[in-house]
Amino acid sequence: MQPFASAIVLASLYALLGAGYVLIYRASRVLNLAQGDMMMLGGYALYATATTVSGSPPVAVVLAALVSCAAGALIYVILMRPMAGHPVFAAVLVTVSLGILLRAGVVLIYTERIRHPLQALSLTNAPHRLPLGVVLSTFDLLTVGAAVLLFAGLFLFLRFSTAGIQMRAAGERALHHHEVGKPIEPRDLAQK
């Protein structure tokens, strides 16, 4: 039963990553292959804030989230938004290059040694015994819980909210333009 539980944890992690790929691609028609590197950047932002503001985990997490959001917004404005409507191959090259630059920047700052913020945040990743002899760590359980909450929230948002319905409509419109061979203009997406 332990291999099955471990597979669920791994599948949850891949599902979270896959949701990001799908949402970005459906909204912008840009395939962002640097998404894993952007996740790594968020992790190192957490490490940096945890070691800077040691003794205050909530502040470190909030600061890391703000840094990650700012980095994501900057990447969107400088690289991703101008790629809307361009051939997929061009966007793929840009995001692959971005991924290489992000990895090189992290290695330049932190060397190749992997850093973990747990000690700086005074957190432990304790194992939990579950029924049927399954043992999962705290972060494994949080990963599965985050995936369940994200997909439930996405379903409710995209299905029932006005903004979610508009996002689906914009994605369908972009798909229609792509299928009939028309170039997608950023203003076409903005009209929705």
N, C-alpha and C. Protein backbone atom coordinates (compact mmCIF):
# COMPACT_ATOMS: atom_id res chain seq x y z
N MET A 1 0.82 -1.21 0.00
CA MET A 1 0.00 0.00 0.00
C MET A 1 0.86 1.27 0.00
N GLN A 2 2.06 1.19 0.56
CA GLN A 2 2.95 2.35 0.60
C GLN A 2 3.30 2.85 -0.80
N PRO A 3 3.62 1.96 -1.78
CA PRO A 3 3.90 2.46 -3.13
C PRO A 3 2.72 3.20 -3.74
N PHE A 4 1.50 2.74 -3.46
CA PHE A 4 0.31 3.40 -3.98
C PHE A 4 0.18 4.81 -3.38
N ALA A 5 0.41 4.94 -2.08
CA ALA A 5 0.33 6.24 -1.42
C ALA A 5 1.41 7.17 -1.95
N SER A 6 2.61 6.65 -2.14
CA SER A 6 3.70 7.47 -2.69
C SER A 6 3.38 7.92 -4.11
N ALA A 7 2.72 7.03 -4.89
CA ALA A 7 2.32 7.40 -6.25
C ALA A 7 1.28 8.52 -6.23
N ILE A 8 0.38 8.50 -5.25
CA ILE A 8 -0.63 9.56 -5.14
C ILE A 8 0.05 10.90 -4.82
N VAL A 9 1.05 10.88 -3.96
CA VAL A 9 1.77 12.12 -3.63
C VAL A 9 2.47 12.65 -4.88
N LEU A 10 3.16 11.78 -5.60
CA LEU A 10 3.86 12.20 -6.81
C LEU A 10 2.89 12.69 -7.87
N ALA A 11 1.77 11.99 -8.03
CA ALA A 11 0.75 12.41 -8.99
C ALA A 11 0.17 13.77 -8.62
N SER A 12 0.02 14.03 -7.32
CA SER A 12 -0.49 15.33 -6.88
C SER A 12 0.47 16.45 -7.26
N LEU A 13 1.77 16.19 -7.09
CA LEU A 13 2.77 17.19 -7.46
C LEU A 13 2.75 17.45 -8.96
N TYR A 14 2.68 16.39 -9.75
CA TYR A 14 2.61 16.55 -11.21
C TYR A 14 1.31 17.23 -11.63
N ALA A 15 0.22 16.93 -10.93
CA ALA A 15 -1.06 17.57 -11.25
C ALA A 15 -1.01 19.07 -11.00
N LEU A 16 -0.36 19.47 -9.89
CA LEU A 16 -0.22 20.91 -9.61
C LEU A 16 0.60 21.59 -10.70
N LEU A 17 1.70 20.95 -11.10
CA LEU A 17 2.53 21.50 -12.16
C LEU A 17 1.78 21.54 -13.48
N GLY A 18 1.07 20.45 -13.78
CA GLY A 18 0.30 20.38 -15.02
C GLY A 18 -0.80 21.43 -15.09
N ALA A 19 -1.43 21.71 -13.96
CA ALA A 19 -2.49 22.73 -13.94
C ALA A 19 -1.92 24.08 -14.35
N GLY A 20 -0.72 24.38 -13.89
CA GLY A 20 -0.08 25.63 -14.28
C GLY A 20 0.18 25.69 -15.79
N TYR A 21 0.69 24.59 -16.34
CA TYR A 21 0.93 24.54 -17.79
C TYR A 21 -0.36 24.78 -18.57
N VAL A 22 -1.41 24.08 -18.18
CA VAL A 22 -2.68 24.16 -18.91
C VAL A 22 -3.29 25.55 -18.80
N LEU A 23 -3.32 26.11 -17.58
CA LEU A 23 -3.93 27.43 -17.41
C LEU A 23 -3.19 28.49 -18.20
N ILE A 24 -1.87 28.46 -18.16
CA ILE A 24 -1.10 29.45 -18.90
C ILE A 24 -1.29 29.28 -20.40
N TYR A 25 -1.24 28.03 -20.86
CA TYR A 25 -1.37 27.81 -22.30
C TYR A 25 -2.77 28.17 -22.81
N ARG A 26 -3.79 27.77 -22.05
CA ARG A 26 -5.16 28.06 -22.50
C ARG A 26 -5.45 29.57 -22.49
N ALA A 27 -4.84 30.28 -21.57
CA ALA A 27 -5.11 31.72 -21.48
C ALA A 27 -4.30 32.52 -22.50
N SER A 28 -3.09 32.06 -22.82
CA SER A 28 -2.21 32.90 -23.65
C SER A 28 -1.69 32.23 -24.90
N ARG A 29 -1.88 30.92 -25.05
CA ARG A 29 -1.32 30.15 -26.16
C ARG A 29 0.20 30.18 -26.13
N VAL A 30 0.78 30.37 -24.96
CA VAL A 30 2.23 30.32 -24.78
C VAL A 30 2.53 29.10 -23.92
N LEU A 31 3.35 28.20 -24.43
CA LEU A 31 3.76 27.03 -23.68
C LEU A 31 4.98 27.40 -22.85
N ASN A 32 4.78 27.53 -21.55
CA ASN A 32 5.83 27.99 -20.65
C ASN A 32 6.62 26.80 -20.12
N LEU A 33 7.74 26.48 -20.75
CA LEU A 33 8.56 25.37 -20.32
C LEU A 33 9.49 25.74 -19.16
N ALA A 34 9.44 26.97 -18.70
CA ALA A 34 10.25 27.39 -17.55
C ALA A 34 9.47 27.33 -16.26
N GLN A 35 8.32 26.68 -16.28
CA GLN A 35 7.47 26.69 -15.09
C GLN A 35 8.13 25.99 -13.91
N GLY A 36 8.80 24.89 -14.14
CA GLY A 36 9.51 24.21 -13.06
C GLY A 36 10.61 25.08 -12.48
N ASP A 37 11.28 25.82 -13.36
CA ASP A 37 12.33 26.73 -12.90
C ASP A 37 11.74 27.90 -12.11
N MET A 38 10.54 28.31 -12.48
CA MET A 38 9.88 29.37 -11.73
C MET A 38 9.45 28.86 -10.35
N MET A 39 9.07 27.57 -10.28
CA MET A 39 8.77 26.97 -8.97
C MET A 39 10.03 26.95 -8.11
N MET A 40 11.17 26.60 -8.75
CA MET A 40 12.44 26.58 -8.03
C MET A 40 12.78 27.98 -7.51
N LEU A 41 12.51 28.99 -8.33
CA LEU A 41 12.76 30.37 -7.91
C LEU A 41 11.94 30.71 -6.67
N GLY A 42 10.69 30.27 -6.63
CA GLY A 42 9.86 30.48 -5.44
C GLY A 42 10.42 29.77 -4.23
N GLY A 43 10.94 28.57 -4.42
CA GLY A 43 11.55 27.84 -3.32
C GLY A 43 12.78 28.54 -2.77
N TYR A 44 13.62 29.05 -3.66
CA TYR A 44 14.81 29.77 -3.20
C TYR A 44 14.43 31.13 -2.61
N ALA A 45 13.33 31.72 -3.07
CA ALA A 45 12.86 32.95 -2.44
C ALA A 45 12.44 32.66 -1.00
N LEU A 46 11.82 31.50 -0.78
CA LEU A 46 11.45 31.11 0.58
C LEU A 46 12.70 30.89 1.43
N TYR A 47 13.70 30.24 0.86
CA TYR A 47 14.95 30.02 1.59
C TYR A 47 15.59 31.36 1.96
N ALA A 48 15.62 32.29 1.00
CA ALA A 48 16.24 33.60 1.24
C ALA A 48 15.50 34.38 2.32
N THR A 49 14.17 34.38 2.26
CA THR A 49 13.41 35.13 3.27
C THR A 49 13.48 34.44 4.63
N ALA A 50 13.51 33.09 4.63
CA ALA A 50 13.57 32.36 5.90
C ALA A 50 14.90 32.61 6.60
N THR A 51 15.99 32.70 5.85
CA THR A 51 17.28 32.95 6.49
C THR A 51 17.45 34.42 6.84
N THR A 52 16.75 35.30 6.14
CA THR A 52 16.84 36.73 6.44
C THR A 52 15.99 37.10 7.64
N VAL A 53 14.76 36.57 7.70
CA VAL A 53 13.82 36.87 8.77
C VAL A 53 13.66 35.63 9.64
N SER A 54 14.77 35.10 10.13
CA SER A 54 14.69 33.86 10.90
C SER A 54 13.90 34.08 12.18
N GLY A 55 13.17 33.07 12.58
CA GLY A 55 12.38 33.17 13.80
C GLY A 55 10.96 33.62 13.57
N SER A 56 10.62 33.97 12.33
CA SER A 56 9.26 34.41 12.03
C SER A 56 8.78 33.75 10.73
N PRO A 57 8.42 32.46 10.78
CA PRO A 57 7.99 31.74 9.57
C PRO A 57 6.84 32.39 8.81
N PRO A 58 5.78 32.89 9.46
CA PRO A 58 4.70 33.49 8.67
C PRO A 58 5.17 34.69 7.84
N VAL A 59 6.04 35.51 8.43
CA VAL A 59 6.55 36.67 7.69
C VAL A 59 7.39 36.21 6.51
N ALA A 60 8.23 35.19 6.73
CA ALA A 60 9.08 34.67 5.66
C ALA A 60 8.25 34.11 4.51
N VAL A 61 7.19 33.38 4.84
CA VAL A 61 6.33 32.80 3.79
C VAL A 61 5.62 33.89 3.01
N VAL A 62 5.09 34.89 3.70
CA VAL A 62 4.40 35.99 3.01
C VAL A 62 5.37 36.76 2.12
N LEU A 63 6.56 37.06 2.65
CA LEU A 63 7.56 37.77 1.84
C LEU A 63 7.95 36.95 0.61
N ALA A 64 8.14 35.64 0.78
CA ALA A 64 8.50 34.79 -0.35
C ALA A 64 7.38 34.76 -1.39
N ALA A 65 6.13 34.73 -0.92
CA ALA A 65 5.00 34.75 -1.85
C ALA A 65 4.96 36.07 -2.62
N LEU A 66 5.24 37.18 -1.94
CA LEU A 66 5.26 38.48 -2.62
C LEU A 66 6.39 38.57 -3.64
N VAL A 67 7.57 38.06 -3.26
CA VAL A 67 8.71 38.05 -4.20
C VAL A 67 8.38 37.19 -5.41
N SER A 68 7.77 36.02 -5.17
CA SER A 68 7.41 35.12 -6.28
C SER A 68 6.37 35.76 -7.19
N CYS A 69 5.38 36.42 -6.60
CA CYS A 69 4.36 37.11 -7.41
C CYS A 69 4.97 38.23 -8.23
N ALA A 70 5.88 38.99 -7.62
CA ALA A 70 6.54 40.08 -8.35
C ALA A 70 7.39 39.52 -9.49
N ALA A 71 8.11 38.43 -9.23
CA ALA A 71 8.93 37.81 -10.29
C ALA A 71 8.04 37.30 -11.42
N GLY A 72 6.92 36.66 -11.06
CA GLY A 72 5.98 36.17 -12.07
C GLY A 72 5.38 37.29 -12.89
N ALA A 73 5.00 38.39 -12.23
CA ALA A 73 4.44 39.54 -12.96
C ALA A 73 5.48 40.16 -13.89
N LEU A 74 6.69 40.26 -13.42
CA LEU A 74 7.77 40.81 -14.25
C LEU A 74 8.04 39.93 -15.47
N ILE A 75 8.08 38.64 -15.25
CA ILE A 75 8.29 37.70 -16.37
C ILE A 75 7.13 37.78 -17.35
N TYR A 76 5.92 37.91 -16.83
CA TYR A 76 4.76 38.02 -17.71
C TYR A 76 4.83 39.29 -18.56
N VAL A 77 5.11 40.42 -17.93
CA VAL A 77 5.11 41.70 -18.64
C VAL A 77 6.24 41.77 -19.66
N ILE A 78 7.43 41.29 -19.27
CA ILE A 78 8.59 41.43 -20.15
C ILE A 78 8.64 40.35 -21.23
N LEU A 79 8.28 39.11 -20.88
CA LEU A 79 8.46 38.01 -21.83
C LEU A 79 7.18 37.39 -22.35
N MET A 80 6.27 37.04 -21.46
CA MET A 80 5.13 36.23 -21.87
C MET A 80 4.06 37.01 -22.65
N ARG A 81 3.71 38.17 -22.16
CA ARG A 81 2.67 38.94 -22.84
C ARG A 81 3.06 39.30 -24.27
N PRO A 82 4.30 39.74 -24.51
CA PRO A 82 4.66 40.02 -25.90
C PRO A 82 4.66 38.77 -26.79
N MET A 83 4.70 37.57 -26.21
CA MET A 83 4.73 36.34 -27.01
C MET A 83 3.34 35.90 -27.45
N ALA A 84 2.29 36.47 -26.88
CA ALA A 84 0.93 36.10 -27.27
C ALA A 84 0.73 36.37 -28.75
N GLY A 85 0.25 35.37 -29.46
CA GLY A 85 -0.01 35.52 -30.88
C GLY A 85 1.16 35.12 -31.76
N HIS A 86 2.32 34.91 -31.19
CA HIS A 86 3.48 34.47 -31.96
C HIS A 86 3.43 32.95 -32.12
N PRO A 87 4.20 32.42 -33.06
CA PRO A 87 4.23 30.96 -33.20
C PRO A 87 4.67 30.29 -31.88
N VAL A 88 4.12 29.11 -31.63
CA VAL A 88 4.41 28.39 -30.39
C VAL A 88 5.90 28.14 -30.25
N PHE A 89 6.58 27.86 -31.36
CA PHE A 89 8.01 27.56 -31.32
C PHE A 89 8.81 28.73 -30.75
N ALA A 90 8.44 29.95 -31.10
CA ALA A 90 9.16 31.13 -30.59
C ALA A 90 8.99 31.25 -29.08
N ALA A 91 7.78 31.03 -28.62
CA ALA A 91 7.51 31.11 -27.17
C ALA A 91 8.25 30.01 -26.42
N VAL A 92 8.31 28.82 -27.01
CA VAL A 92 9.02 27.72 -26.38
C VAL A 92 10.50 28.08 -26.21
N LEU A 93 11.09 28.66 -27.24
CA LEU A 93 12.50 29.06 -27.15
C LEU A 93 12.72 30.11 -26.07
N VAL A 94 11.81 31.06 -25.97
CA VAL A 94 11.93 32.10 -24.95
C VAL A 94 11.83 31.50 -23.55
N THR A 95 10.88 30.60 -23.34
CA THR A 95 10.72 30.04 -22.00
C THR A 95 11.85 29.08 -21.65
N VAL A 96 12.38 28.34 -22.63
CA VAL A 96 13.54 27.48 -22.37
C VAL A 96 14.73 28.35 -21.97
N SER A 97 14.92 29.44 -22.68
CA SER A 97 16.02 30.36 -22.35
C SER A 97 15.82 30.96 -20.96
N LEU A 98 14.59 31.31 -20.63
CA LEU A 98 14.29 31.83 -19.30
C LEU A 98 14.65 30.80 -18.23
N GLY A 99 14.29 29.55 -18.47
CA GLY A 99 14.61 28.49 -17.52
C GLY A 99 16.11 28.35 -17.31
N ILE A 100 16.86 28.41 -18.38
CA ILE A 100 18.32 28.32 -18.28
C ILE A 100 18.87 29.49 -17.48
N LEU A 101 18.37 30.69 -17.73
CA LEU A 101 18.83 31.87 -17.00
C LEU A 101 18.48 31.79 -15.52
N LEU A 102 17.28 31.31 -15.19
CA LEU A 102 16.89 31.19 -13.79
C LEU A 102 17.78 30.18 -13.06
N ARG A 103 18.03 29.02 -13.70
CA ARG A 103 18.90 28.02 -13.07
C ARG A 103 20.31 28.56 -12.89
N ALA A 104 20.81 29.25 -13.91
CA ALA A 104 22.17 29.81 -13.81
C ALA A 104 22.24 30.86 -12.71
N GLY A 105 21.20 31.68 -12.58
CA GLY A 105 21.18 32.70 -11.53
C GLY A 105 21.17 32.09 -10.14
N VAL A 106 20.41 31.02 -9.95
CA VAL A 106 20.37 30.36 -8.64
C VAL A 106 21.71 29.72 -8.33
N VAL A 107 22.32 29.07 -9.32
CA VAL A 107 23.64 28.46 -9.10
C VAL A 107 24.68 29.54 -8.80
N LEU A 108 24.58 30.67 -9.48
CA LEU A 108 25.52 31.78 -9.26
C LEU A 108 25.41 32.31 -7.83
N ILE A 109 24.19 32.41 -7.33
CA ILE A 109 23.98 32.97 -5.99
C ILE A 109 24.19 31.93 -4.89
N TYR A 110 23.65 30.73 -5.08
CA TYR A 110 23.64 29.73 -4.01
C TYR A 110 24.57 28.55 -4.24
N THR A 111 25.34 28.54 -5.30
CA THR A 111 26.16 27.42 -5.75
C THR A 111 25.25 26.24 -6.11
N GLU A 112 25.83 25.10 -6.40
CA GLU A 112 25.03 23.96 -6.83
C GLU A 112 24.45 23.18 -5.65
N ARG A 113 24.78 23.56 -4.46
CA ARG A 113 24.28 22.87 -3.28
C ARG A 113 22.80 23.21 -3.06
N ILE A 114 21.99 22.17 -2.89
CA ILE A 114 20.55 22.37 -2.66
C ILE A 114 20.35 22.90 -1.25
N ARG A 115 19.50 23.90 -1.12
CA ARG A 115 19.21 24.50 0.19
C ARG A 115 17.77 24.17 0.59
N HIS A 116 17.56 23.93 1.87
CA HIS A 116 16.22 23.65 2.39
C HIS A 116 15.89 24.67 3.48
N PRO A 117 14.71 25.29 3.42
CA PRO A 117 14.35 26.31 4.40
C PRO A 117 13.78 25.76 5.70
N LEU A 118 13.65 24.44 5.83
CA LEU A 118 12.98 23.89 7.02
C LEU A 118 13.63 24.32 8.32
N GLN A 119 14.95 24.21 8.39
CA GLN A 119 15.63 24.56 9.64
C GLN A 119 15.48 26.05 9.94
N ALA A 120 15.61 26.89 8.92
CA ALA A 120 15.48 28.33 9.13
C ALA A 120 14.06 28.71 9.54
N LEU A 121 13.08 27.93 9.09
CA LEU A 121 11.68 28.20 9.44
C LEU A 121 11.27 27.49 10.73
N SER A 122 12.19 26.74 11.32
CA SER A 122 11.91 25.95 12.53
C SER A 122 10.77 24.97 12.31
N LEU A 123 10.76 24.34 11.13
CA LEU A 123 9.73 23.37 10.79
C LEU A 123 10.35 21.98 10.70
N THR A 124 9.51 20.99 10.91
CA THR A 124 9.94 19.61 10.71
C THR A 124 9.00 18.95 9.71
N ASN A 125 9.50 17.94 9.06
CA ASN A 125 8.70 17.19 8.09
C ASN A 125 8.43 15.82 8.69
N ALA A 126 7.68 15.81 9.76
CA ALA A 126 7.45 14.60 10.54
C ALA A 126 6.64 13.57 9.76
N PRO A 127 6.97 12.29 9.94
CA PRO A 127 6.18 11.24 9.31
C PRO A 127 4.87 11.02 10.08
N HIS A 128 3.83 10.64 9.34
CA HIS A 128 2.52 10.36 9.94
C HIS A 128 2.09 8.96 9.53
N ARG A 129 1.73 8.17 10.52
CA ARG A 129 1.23 6.81 10.23
C ARG A 129 -0.26 6.90 9.91
N LEU A 130 -0.61 6.38 8.75
CA LEU A 130 -1.99 6.37 8.29
C LEU A 130 -2.49 4.92 8.30
N PRO A 131 -3.78 4.72 8.09
CA PRO A 131 -4.29 3.34 8.04
C PRO A 131 -3.61 2.51 6.96
N LEU A 132 -3.65 1.21 7.10
CA LEU A 132 -3.08 0.24 6.17
C LEU A 132 -1.56 0.28 6.12
N GLY A 133 -0.94 0.78 7.17
CA GLY A 133 0.52 0.79 7.25
C GLY A 133 1.20 1.84 6.40
N VAL A 134 0.47 2.83 5.92
CA VAL A 134 1.04 3.88 5.06
C VAL A 134 1.67 4.94 5.95
N VAL A 135 2.86 5.39 5.56
CA VAL A 135 3.56 6.46 6.27
C VAL A 135 3.84 7.58 5.26
N LEU A 136 3.31 8.75 5.54
CA LEU A 136 3.55 9.92 4.68
C LEU A 136 4.02 11.07 5.56
N SER A 137 4.87 11.90 4.99
CA SER A 137 5.37 13.06 5.73
C SER A 137 4.34 14.17 5.73
N THR A 138 4.58 15.16 6.54
CA THR A 138 3.69 16.32 6.61
C THR A 138 3.57 17.00 5.26
N PHE A 139 4.71 17.17 4.57
CA PHE A 139 4.67 17.86 3.28
C PHE A 139 4.04 17.01 2.19
N ASP A 140 4.13 15.69 2.31
CA ASP A 140 3.41 14.82 1.38
C ASP A 140 1.91 15.04 1.53
N LEU A 141 1.45 15.08 2.77
CA LEU A 141 0.02 15.30 3.02
C LEU A 141 -0.41 16.69 2.56
N LEU A 142 0.45 17.68 2.78
CA LEU A 142 0.12 19.03 2.32
C LEU A 142 0.07 19.10 0.79
N THR A 143 0.93 18.37 0.10
CA THR A 143 0.93 18.34 -1.37
C THR A 143 -0.38 17.78 -1.89
N VAL A 144 -0.81 16.66 -1.33
CA VAL A 144 -2.08 16.05 -1.75
C VAL A 144 -3.24 16.98 -1.42
N GLY A 145 -3.24 17.56 -0.23
CA GLY A 145 -4.30 18.49 0.15
C GLY A 145 -4.35 19.72 -0.74
N ALA A 146 -3.18 20.25 -1.08
CA ALA A 146 -3.12 21.43 -1.96
C ALA A 146 -3.68 21.09 -3.34
N ALA A 147 -3.36 19.92 -3.86
CA ALA A 147 -3.87 19.52 -5.18
C ALA A 147 -5.39 19.39 -5.15
N VAL A 148 -5.92 18.76 -4.11
CA VAL A 148 -7.37 18.60 -4.00
C VAL A 148 -8.05 19.96 -3.90
N LEU A 149 -7.52 20.83 -3.04
CA LEU A 149 -8.11 22.17 -2.89
C LEU A 149 -8.01 23.00 -4.17
N LEU A 150 -6.86 22.93 -4.84
CA LEU A 150 -6.68 23.70 -6.07
C LEU A 150 -7.67 23.27 -7.13
N PHE A 151 -7.80 21.96 -7.34
CA PHE A 151 -8.69 21.51 -8.41
C PHE A 151 -10.15 21.73 -8.07
N ALA A 152 -10.52 21.61 -6.81
CA ALA A 152 -11.90 21.93 -6.41
C ALA A 152 -12.16 23.42 -6.61
N GLY A 153 -11.19 24.25 -6.21
CA GLY A 153 -11.35 25.70 -6.39
C GLY A 153 -11.39 26.10 -7.85
N LEU A 154 -10.53 25.48 -8.67
CA LEU A 154 -10.55 25.78 -10.11
C LEU A 154 -11.87 25.38 -10.74
N PHE A 155 -12.38 24.23 -10.36
CA PHE A 155 -13.66 23.78 -10.91
C PHE A 155 -14.75 24.79 -10.58
N LEU A 156 -14.84 25.17 -9.31
CA LEU A 156 -15.88 26.11 -8.89
C LEU A 156 -15.69 27.47 -9.57
N PHE A 157 -14.43 27.94 -9.62
CA PHE A 157 -14.16 29.26 -10.22
C PHE A 157 -14.48 29.26 -11.72
N LEU A 158 -13.98 28.29 -12.46
CA LEU A 158 -14.16 28.27 -13.91
C LEU A 158 -15.59 27.92 -14.32
N ARG A 159 -16.29 27.22 -13.48
CA ARG A 159 -17.64 26.79 -13.81
C ARG A 159 -18.73 27.79 -13.42
N PHE A 160 -18.52 28.47 -12.27
CA PHE A 160 -19.63 29.25 -11.72
C PHE A 160 -19.38 30.75 -11.58
N SER A 161 -18.13 31.21 -11.63
CA SER A 161 -17.90 32.65 -11.47
C SER A 161 -17.90 33.35 -12.83
N THR A 162 -18.23 34.61 -12.82
CA THR A 162 -18.25 35.39 -14.05
C THR A 162 -16.86 35.46 -14.67
N ALA A 163 -15.85 35.74 -13.85
CA ALA A 163 -14.48 35.82 -14.37
C ALA A 163 -14.02 34.47 -14.93
N GLY A 164 -14.39 33.38 -14.27
CA GLY A 164 -14.01 32.05 -14.75
C GLY A 164 -14.66 31.72 -16.08
N ILE A 165 -15.92 32.06 -16.23
CA ILE A 165 -16.62 31.82 -17.50
C ILE A 165 -16.00 32.67 -18.60
N GLN A 166 -15.63 33.90 -18.29
CA GLN A 166 -14.97 34.76 -19.27
C GLN A 166 -13.61 34.19 -19.67
N MET A 167 -12.87 33.64 -18.70
CA MET A 167 -11.58 33.03 -19.01
C MET A 167 -11.75 31.83 -19.94
N ARG A 168 -12.76 31.01 -19.67
CA ARG A 168 -13.02 29.86 -20.54
C ARG A 168 -13.40 30.32 -21.94
N ALA A 169 -14.22 31.37 -22.02
CA ALA A 169 -14.63 31.89 -23.32
C ALA A 169 -13.43 32.44 -24.10
N ALA A 170 -12.56 33.17 -23.41
CA ALA A 170 -11.36 33.70 -24.07
C ALA A 170 -10.47 32.56 -24.57
N GLY A 171 -10.34 31.50 -23.78
CA GLY A 171 -9.56 30.34 -24.20
C GLY A 171 -10.17 29.67 -25.41
N GLU A 172 -11.49 29.53 -25.43
CA GLU A 172 -12.16 28.92 -26.58
C GLU A 172 -12.02 29.79 -27.83
N ARG A 173 -12.11 31.09 -27.64
CA ARG A 173 -11.96 32.00 -28.78
C ARG A 173 -10.56 31.91 -29.35
N ALA A 174 -9.57 31.88 -28.47
CA ALA A 174 -8.18 31.76 -28.93
C ALA A 174 -7.98 30.43 -29.64
N LEU A 175 -8.59 29.36 -29.13
CA LEU A 175 -8.47 28.05 -29.77
C LEU A 175 -9.11 28.08 -31.15
N HIS A 176 -10.27 28.72 -31.27
CA HIS A 176 -10.94 28.83 -32.57
C HIS A 176 -10.07 29.59 -33.57
N HIS A 177 -9.48 30.69 -33.14
CA HIS A 177 -8.60 31.46 -34.02
C HIS A 177 -7.42 30.61 -34.45
N HIS A 178 -6.90 29.81 -33.53
CA HIS A 178 -5.74 28.97 -33.83
C HIS A 178 -6.11 27.89 -34.84
N GLU A 179 -7.30 27.29 -34.70
CA GLU A 179 -7.73 26.21 -35.58
C GLU A 179 -7.99 26.69 -36.99
N VAL A 180 -8.52 27.89 -37.15
CA VAL A 180 -8.81 28.39 -38.49
C VAL A 180 -7.62 29.11 -39.11
N GLY A 181 -6.52 29.20 -38.39
CA GLY A 181 -5.30 29.76 -38.96
C GLY A 181 -5.17 31.26 -38.87
N LYS A 182 -6.06 31.92 -38.15
CA LYS A 182 -5.96 33.37 -37.99
C LYS A 182 -4.94 33.68 -36.91
N PRO A 183 -4.16 34.73 -37.08
CA PRO A 183 -3.27 35.10 -35.98
C PRO A 183 -4.09 35.67 -34.82
N ILE A 184 -3.64 35.37 -33.62
CA ILE A 184 -4.33 35.87 -32.43
C ILE A 184 -3.68 37.18 -32.04
N GLU A 185 -4.48 38.22 -32.04
CA GLU A 185 -3.98 39.52 -31.64
C GLU A 185 -4.26 39.72 -30.16
N PRO A 186 -3.33 40.34 -29.42
CA PRO A 186 -3.59 40.58 -28.00
C PRO A 186 -4.88 41.34 -27.76
N ARG A 187 -5.24 42.22 -28.68
CA ARG A 187 -6.49 42.98 -28.51
C ARG A 187 -7.71 42.07 -28.62
N ASP A 188 -7.60 40.95 -29.39
CA ASP A 188 -8.70 40.00 -29.47
C ASP A 188 -8.95 39.37 -28.11
N LEU A 189 -7.88 39.04 -27.40
CA LEU A 189 -8.02 38.44 -26.08
C LEU A 189 -8.51 39.46 -25.07
N ALA A 190 -8.11 40.71 -25.23
CA ALA A 190 -8.49 41.76 -24.28
C ALA A 190 -9.97 42.11 -24.39
N GLN A 191 -10.59 41.87 -25.57
CA GLN A 191 -12.00 42.22 -25.75
C GLN A 191 -12.91 41.42 -24.85
N LYS A 192 -12.51 40.20 -24.52
CA LYS A 192 -13.32 39.37 -23.63
C LYS A 192 -13.11 39.84 -22.24
